[in-house]
């Protein structure tokens, strides 16, 4: 899609495989590589208008699902 006059592709967090991929990346960063601080940018992208795997999710619900996925994967071991 286009945002701010630029084209980009995003991840569909309504898809379970996408959430598993994100969780795996976060877990490797926190538990394997021992990152204790994660700076997260462009979080608004999860709430942009899109065709989603689960069309029942609102944009706000998609963003909440993305944030919950990251927080659950990082646990208490990392500051977000």
Protein backbone atom coordinates (compact mmCIF):
# COMPACT_ATOMS: atom_id res chain seq x y z
CA UNK A 1 0.00 0.00 0.00
CA UNK A 2 0.93 3.64 -0.08
CA UNK A 3 1.45 5.78 2.97
CA UNK A 4 2.86 9.28 3.02
CA UNK A 5 3.40 9.08 -0.73
CA UNK A 6 5.65 6.01 -0.42
CA UNK A 7 4.90 2.37 -1.18
CA UNK A 8 5.63 -0.37 1.33
CA UNK A 9 4.56 -3.87 2.34
CA UNK A 10 3.55 -4.83 5.85
CA UNK A 11 2.95 -7.98 7.82
CA UNK A 12 -0.61 -9.21 8.38
CA UNK A 13 -0.75 -9.82 12.12
CA UNK A 14 -4.23 -11.31 11.79
CA UNK A 15 -2.56 -14.39 10.27
CA UNK A 16 -1.41 -16.92 12.91
CA UNK A 17 1.75 -17.80 10.95
CA UNK A 18 2.73 -14.13 10.86
CA UNK A 19 2.31 -13.81 14.63
CA UNK A 20 4.38 -16.96 15.15
CA UNK A 21 7.12 -15.48 12.95
CA UNK A 22 7.11 -12.19 14.88
CA UNK A 23 7.13 -14.03 18.22
CA UNK A 24 10.08 -16.16 17.11
CA UNK A 25 12.09 -13.10 16.07
CA UNK A 26 11.41 -11.30 19.34
CA UNK A 27 12.21 -14.39 21.41
CA UNK A 28 15.54 -14.88 19.62
CA UNK A 29 16.47 -11.24 20.16
CA UNK A 30 15.54 -11.25 23.85
CA UNK A 31 16.48 -14.74 25.00
CA UNK A 32 19.24 -15.83 22.60
CA UNK A 33 20.94 -12.52 21.85
CA UNK A 34 20.08 -11.01 25.26
CA UNK A 35 18.59 -7.72 24.10
CA UNK A 36 17.02 -6.06 27.15
CA UNK A 37 15.62 -2.96 25.40
CA UNK A 38 13.55 -3.09 22.23
CA UNK A 39 12.77 0.16 20.42
CA UNK A 40 9.78 -0.41 18.21
CA UNK A 41 9.05 1.94 15.31
CA UNK A 42 6.27 2.16 12.74
CA UNK A 43 3.78 0.38 14.98
CA UNK A 44 0.98 2.35 13.33
CA UNK A 45 1.45 0.17 10.24
CA UNK A 46 -0.48 -2.64 11.94
CA UNK A 47 -3.54 -0.37 12.01
CA UNK A 48 -3.39 0.93 8.45
CA UNK A 49 -6.28 0.08 6.14
CA UNK A 50 -5.62 -3.32 4.57
CA UNK A 51 -7.13 -6.57 3.42
CA UNK A 52 -6.45 -8.91 6.32
CA UNK A 53 -6.37 -12.68 6.72
CA UNK A 54 -9.04 -12.22 9.41
CA UNK A 55 -11.43 -9.60 8.02
CA UNK A 56 -13.41 -9.51 11.29
CA UNK A 57 -10.61 -7.57 13.02
CA UNK A 58 -10.87 -3.81 13.17
CA UNK A 59 -7.75 -1.74 12.57
CA UNK A 60 -7.49 -1.09 16.33
CA UNK A 61 -7.83 -4.80 17.08
CA UNK A 62 -5.07 -5.61 14.58
CA UNK A 63 -2.75 -3.12 16.30
CA UNK A 64 -3.61 -4.51 19.73
CA UNK A 65 -2.93 -8.04 18.48
CA UNK A 66 0.47 -6.98 17.13
CA UNK A 67 1.43 -5.30 20.40
CA UNK A 68 0.24 -8.25 22.48
CA UNK A 69 2.26 -10.63 20.30
CA UNK A 70 5.44 -8.63 20.87
CA UNK A 71 4.86 -8.20 24.61
CA UNK A 72 4.04 -11.89 25.12
CA UNK A 73 7.12 -12.96 23.16
CA UNK A 74 9.46 -10.61 25.04
CA UNK A 75 8.02 -11.43 28.44
CA UNK A 76 9.36 -9.45 31.37
CA UNK A 77 12.94 -9.90 30.15
CA UNK A 78 12.88 -6.82 27.91
CA UNK A 79 11.78 -3.22 28.16
CA UNK A 80 9.61 -2.15 25.22
